[in-house]
């Protein structure tokens, strides 16, 4: 199963200011087929499934954390090098 995750970043995006209209959109594909888009904003996170133009799943950051704790399996932390790979 090959995943492709694409994020188009308009430079530095500060999502912490309440007045910002900036969002971070991540396109997610699996085996060449689009699964959907993840839209990250200051107050919410939204999942737009493939083909759903008007029906997103939206959650506050608190609700998102709760869902992750309840439904996503745990794994041991893996240290990752902060140095870029050459």
N, C-alpha and C. Protein backbone atom coordinates (compact mmCIF):
# COMPACT_ATOMS: atom_id res chain seq x y z
N UNK A 1 0.85 -1.17 0.00
CA UNK A 1 0.00 0.00 0.00
C UNK A 1 0.90 1.24 0.00
N UNK A 2 0.86 1.99 -1.07
CA UNK A 2 1.68 3.20 -1.18
C UNK A 2 0.83 4.43 -0.92
N UNK A 3 1.30 5.27 0.00
CA UNK A 3 0.59 6.51 0.30
C UNK A 3 1.35 7.68 -0.29
N UNK A 4 0.62 8.67 -0.72
CA UNK A 4 1.21 9.90 -1.20
C UNK A 4 0.53 11.03 -0.44
N UNK A 5 1.32 11.84 0.23
CA UNK A 5 0.79 12.95 1.01
C UNK A 5 1.41 14.23 0.47
N UNK A 6 0.57 15.17 0.03
CA UNK A 6 1.06 16.41 -0.57
C UNK A 6 0.50 17.58 0.23
N UNK A 7 1.39 18.50 0.62
CA UNK A 7 0.96 19.73 1.30
C UNK A 7 1.52 20.91 0.52
N UNK A 8 0.66 21.80 0.08
CA UNK A 8 1.08 23.01 -0.60
C UNK A 8 1.15 24.12 0.44
N UNK A 9 2.35 24.60 0.69
CA UNK A 9 2.55 25.60 1.73
C UNK A 9 2.81 26.96 1.11
N UNK A 10 1.99 27.94 1.43
CA UNK A 10 2.22 29.30 0.92
C UNK A 10 3.25 30.04 1.78
N UNK A 11 4.47 29.55 1.83
CA UNK A 11 5.48 30.15 2.69
C UNK A 11 5.23 29.75 4.13
N UNK A 12 5.54 30.62 5.04
CA UNK A 12 5.28 30.37 6.45
C UNK A 12 3.82 30.64 6.74
N UNK A 13 3.16 29.69 7.36
CA UNK A 13 1.74 29.83 7.68
C UNK A 13 1.60 29.81 9.19
N UNK A 14 1.15 30.91 9.76
CA UNK A 14 0.91 30.95 11.19
C UNK A 14 -0.57 30.73 11.42
N UNK A 15 -0.90 29.59 11.98
CA UNK A 15 -2.29 29.23 12.21
C UNK A 15 -2.74 29.56 13.62
N UNK A 16 -1.86 30.16 14.41
CA UNK A 16 -2.18 30.39 15.81
C UNK A 16 -2.94 31.69 16.07
N UNK A 17 -2.96 32.59 15.09
CA UNK A 17 -3.70 33.84 15.31
C UNK A 17 -5.17 33.64 15.00
N UNK A 18 -6.01 34.13 15.86
CA UNK A 18 -7.45 33.95 15.70
C UNK A 18 -7.98 34.61 14.41
N UNK A 19 -7.32 35.66 13.95
CA UNK A 19 -7.82 36.40 12.79
C UNK A 19 -7.28 35.87 11.46
N UNK A 20 -6.39 34.89 11.51
CA UNK A 20 -5.81 34.41 10.26
C UNK A 20 -6.83 33.66 9.42
N UNK A 21 -6.76 33.84 8.12
CA UNK A 21 -7.61 33.11 7.21
C UNK A 21 -6.81 32.00 6.51
N UNK A 22 -5.53 31.89 6.88
CA UNK A 22 -4.68 30.87 6.29
C UNK A 22 -5.08 29.49 6.79
N UNK A 23 -4.95 28.51 5.93
CA UNK A 23 -5.15 27.12 6.30
C UNK A 23 -4.04 26.30 5.67
N UNK A 24 -3.85 25.12 6.17
CA UNK A 24 -2.91 24.17 5.62
C UNK A 24 -3.75 23.02 5.08
N UNK A 25 -3.66 22.75 3.79
CA UNK A 25 -4.42 21.67 3.17
C UNK A 25 -3.47 20.57 2.76
N UNK A 26 -3.80 19.34 3.15
CA UNK A 26 -2.98 18.18 2.84
C UNK A 26 -3.83 17.24 1.99
N UNK A 27 -3.33 16.91 0.79
CA UNK A 27 -4.01 15.96 -0.10
C UNK A 27 -3.44 14.58 0.18
N UNK A 28 -4.29 13.59 0.33
CA UNK A 28 -3.83 12.25 0.68
C UNK A 28 -4.30 11.25 -0.37
N UNK A 29 -3.33 10.49 -0.91
CA UNK A 29 -3.63 9.47 -1.90
C UNK A 29 -3.11 8.12 -1.42
N UNK A 30 -3.77 7.06 -1.85
CA UNK A 30 -3.32 5.70 -1.57
C UNK A 30 -3.39 4.91 -2.86
N UNK A 31 -2.27 4.36 -3.28
CA UNK A 31 -2.18 3.60 -4.53
C UNK A 31 -2.74 4.39 -5.71
N UNK A 32 -2.44 5.68 -5.76
CA UNK A 32 -2.86 6.52 -6.87
C UNK A 32 -4.29 7.02 -6.82
N UNK A 33 -5.04 6.64 -5.80
CA UNK A 33 -6.43 7.07 -5.66
C UNK A 33 -6.55 8.05 -4.50
N UNK A 34 -7.21 9.17 -4.74
CA UNK A 34 -7.39 10.18 -3.70
C UNK A 34 -8.31 9.66 -2.60
N UNK A 35 -7.83 9.76 -1.35
CA UNK A 35 -8.66 9.40 -0.21
C UNK A 35 -9.44 10.60 0.30
N UNK A 36 -8.82 11.79 0.22
CA UNK A 36 -9.48 13.01 0.67
C UNK A 36 -8.46 14.08 1.00
N UNK A 37 -8.96 15.16 1.59
CA UNK A 37 -8.13 16.30 1.97
C UNK A 37 -8.29 16.56 3.46
N UNK A 38 -7.19 16.89 4.09
CA UNK A 38 -7.18 17.29 5.49
C UNK A 38 -6.91 18.78 5.53
N UNK A 39 -7.81 19.56 6.10
CA UNK A 39 -7.67 21.01 6.16
C UNK A 39 -7.45 21.40 7.62
N UNK A 40 -6.30 22.02 7.87
CA UNK A 40 -5.91 22.40 9.23
C UNK A 40 -5.99 23.91 9.35
N UNK A 41 -6.73 24.39 10.35
CA UNK A 41 -6.89 25.83 10.57
C UNK A 41 -6.65 26.13 12.04
N UNK A 42 -6.80 27.39 12.40
CA UNK A 42 -6.54 27.82 13.78
C UNK A 42 -7.44 27.10 14.77
N UNK A 43 -8.73 27.08 14.53
CA UNK A 43 -9.67 26.54 15.51
C UNK A 43 -10.17 25.15 15.25
N UNK A 44 -10.00 24.63 14.04
CA UNK A 44 -10.56 23.33 13.70
C UNK A 44 -9.65 22.54 12.78
N UNK A 45 -10.00 21.28 12.65
CA UNK A 45 -9.39 20.40 11.66
C UNK A 45 -10.55 19.76 10.91
N UNK A 46 -10.45 19.67 9.59
CA UNK A 46 -11.54 19.13 8.78
C UNK A 46 -11.03 18.01 7.88
N UNK A 47 -11.83 16.97 7.71
CA UNK A 47 -11.55 15.90 6.78
C UNK A 47 -12.59 15.96 5.68
N UNK A 48 -12.14 16.15 4.44
CA UNK A 48 -13.00 16.18 3.27
C UNK A 48 -12.78 14.89 2.49
N UNK A 49 -13.67 13.90 2.64
CA UNK A 49 -13.50 12.65 1.91
C UNK A 49 -13.60 12.87 0.40
N UNK A 50 -13.02 11.96 -0.36
CA UNK A 50 -13.06 12.03 -1.81
C UNK A 50 -14.50 12.18 -2.29
N UNK A 51 -14.71 13.13 -3.19
CA UNK A 51 -16.02 13.30 -3.81
C UNK A 51 -17.04 14.05 -2.97
N UNK A 52 -16.71 14.43 -1.77
CA UNK A 52 -17.66 15.14 -0.89
C UNK A 52 -17.35 16.63 -0.93
N UNK A 53 -18.06 17.37 -1.76
CA UNK A 53 -17.81 18.80 -1.90
C UNK A 53 -18.42 19.61 -0.76
N UNK A 54 -19.50 19.10 -0.14
CA UNK A 54 -20.21 19.89 0.86
C UNK A 54 -20.27 19.23 2.24
N UNK A 55 -19.72 18.03 2.40
CA UNK A 55 -19.86 17.33 3.67
C UNK A 55 -18.52 16.97 4.26
N UNK A 56 -17.96 17.90 4.99
CA UNK A 56 -16.69 17.66 5.67
C UNK A 56 -16.96 17.17 7.09
N UNK A 57 -16.01 16.45 7.64
CA UNK A 57 -16.04 16.10 9.05
C UNK A 57 -15.19 17.14 9.76
N UNK A 58 -15.77 17.85 10.69
CA UNK A 58 -15.07 18.95 11.36
C UNK A 58 -14.98 18.67 12.85
N UNK A 59 -13.83 19.02 13.43
CA UNK A 59 -13.65 18.85 14.87
C UNK A 59 -12.79 19.97 15.42
N UNK A 60 -13.05 20.32 16.66
CA UNK A 60 -12.16 21.26 17.35
C UNK A 60 -10.88 20.50 17.67
N UNK A 61 -9.85 21.22 18.06
CA UNK A 61 -8.59 20.56 18.40
C UNK A 61 -8.76 19.66 19.61
N UNK A 62 -9.58 20.05 20.56
CA UNK A 62 -9.84 19.20 21.73
C UNK A 62 -10.52 17.90 21.36
N UNK A 63 -11.51 17.99 20.49
CA UNK A 63 -12.22 16.80 20.03
C UNK A 63 -11.29 15.91 19.21
N UNK A 64 -10.46 16.52 18.36
CA UNK A 64 -9.50 15.76 17.57
C UNK A 64 -8.55 14.98 18.48
N UNK A 65 -8.05 15.62 19.53
CA UNK A 65 -7.16 14.96 20.48
C UNK A 65 -7.87 13.78 21.15
N UNK A 66 -9.13 13.98 21.50
CA UNK A 66 -9.91 12.92 22.15
C UNK A 66 -10.10 11.73 21.19
N UNK A 67 -10.43 11.99 19.94
CA UNK A 67 -10.60 10.93 18.96
C UNK A 67 -9.29 10.17 18.75
N UNK A 68 -8.19 10.90 18.68
CA UNK A 68 -6.88 10.25 18.51
C UNK A 68 -6.57 9.34 19.69
N UNK A 69 -6.83 9.83 20.90
CA UNK A 69 -6.57 9.03 22.09
C UNK A 69 -7.42 7.76 22.12
N UNK A 70 -8.66 7.86 21.67
CA UNK A 70 -9.59 6.73 21.75
C UNK A 70 -9.48 5.75 20.59
N UNK A 71 -9.13 6.23 19.41
CA UNK A 71 -9.25 5.38 18.22
C UNK A 71 -7.96 5.10 17.45
N UNK A 72 -6.88 5.74 17.82
CA UNK A 72 -5.64 5.52 17.10
C UNK A 72 -4.68 4.76 18.02
N UNK A 73 -4.14 3.66 17.51
CA UNK A 73 -3.28 2.82 18.35
C UNK A 73 -1.98 3.53 18.69
N UNK A 74 -1.43 3.15 19.83
CA UNK A 74 -0.19 3.74 20.31
C UNK A 74 1.01 3.01 19.72
N UNK A 75 2.13 3.70 19.69
CA UNK A 75 3.40 3.08 19.33
C UNK A 75 4.49 3.75 20.13
N UNK A 76 5.60 3.07 20.25
CA UNK A 76 6.73 3.65 20.97
C UNK A 76 7.30 4.80 20.17
N UNK A 77 7.77 5.79 20.89
CA UNK A 77 8.39 6.94 20.25
C UNK A 77 9.69 6.51 19.58
N UNK A 78 9.91 7.01 18.39
CA UNK A 78 11.14 6.72 17.66
C UNK A 78 11.89 8.02 17.49
N UNK A 79 13.14 8.04 17.91
CA UNK A 79 13.94 9.25 17.73
C UNK A 79 14.27 9.42 16.27
N UNK A 80 14.07 10.60 15.78
CA UNK A 80 14.40 10.91 14.40
C UNK A 80 15.51 11.95 14.38
N UNK A 81 16.43 11.76 13.49
CA UNK A 81 17.54 12.70 13.35
C UNK A 81 17.01 14.04 12.88
N UNK A 82 17.54 15.11 13.45
CA UNK A 82 17.14 16.45 13.02
C UNK A 82 18.02 16.95 11.90
N UNK A 83 19.07 16.19 11.58
CA UNK A 83 19.95 16.58 10.49
C UNK A 83 19.36 16.15 9.16
N UNK A 84 19.44 17.00 8.13
CA UNK A 84 18.92 16.59 6.83
C UNK A 84 19.75 15.45 6.25
N UNK A 85 19.08 14.54 5.56
CA UNK A 85 19.78 13.44 4.90
C UNK A 85 20.38 13.92 3.61
N UNK A 86 21.67 13.60 3.38
CA UNK A 86 22.33 14.05 2.16
C UNK A 86 22.35 12.96 1.13
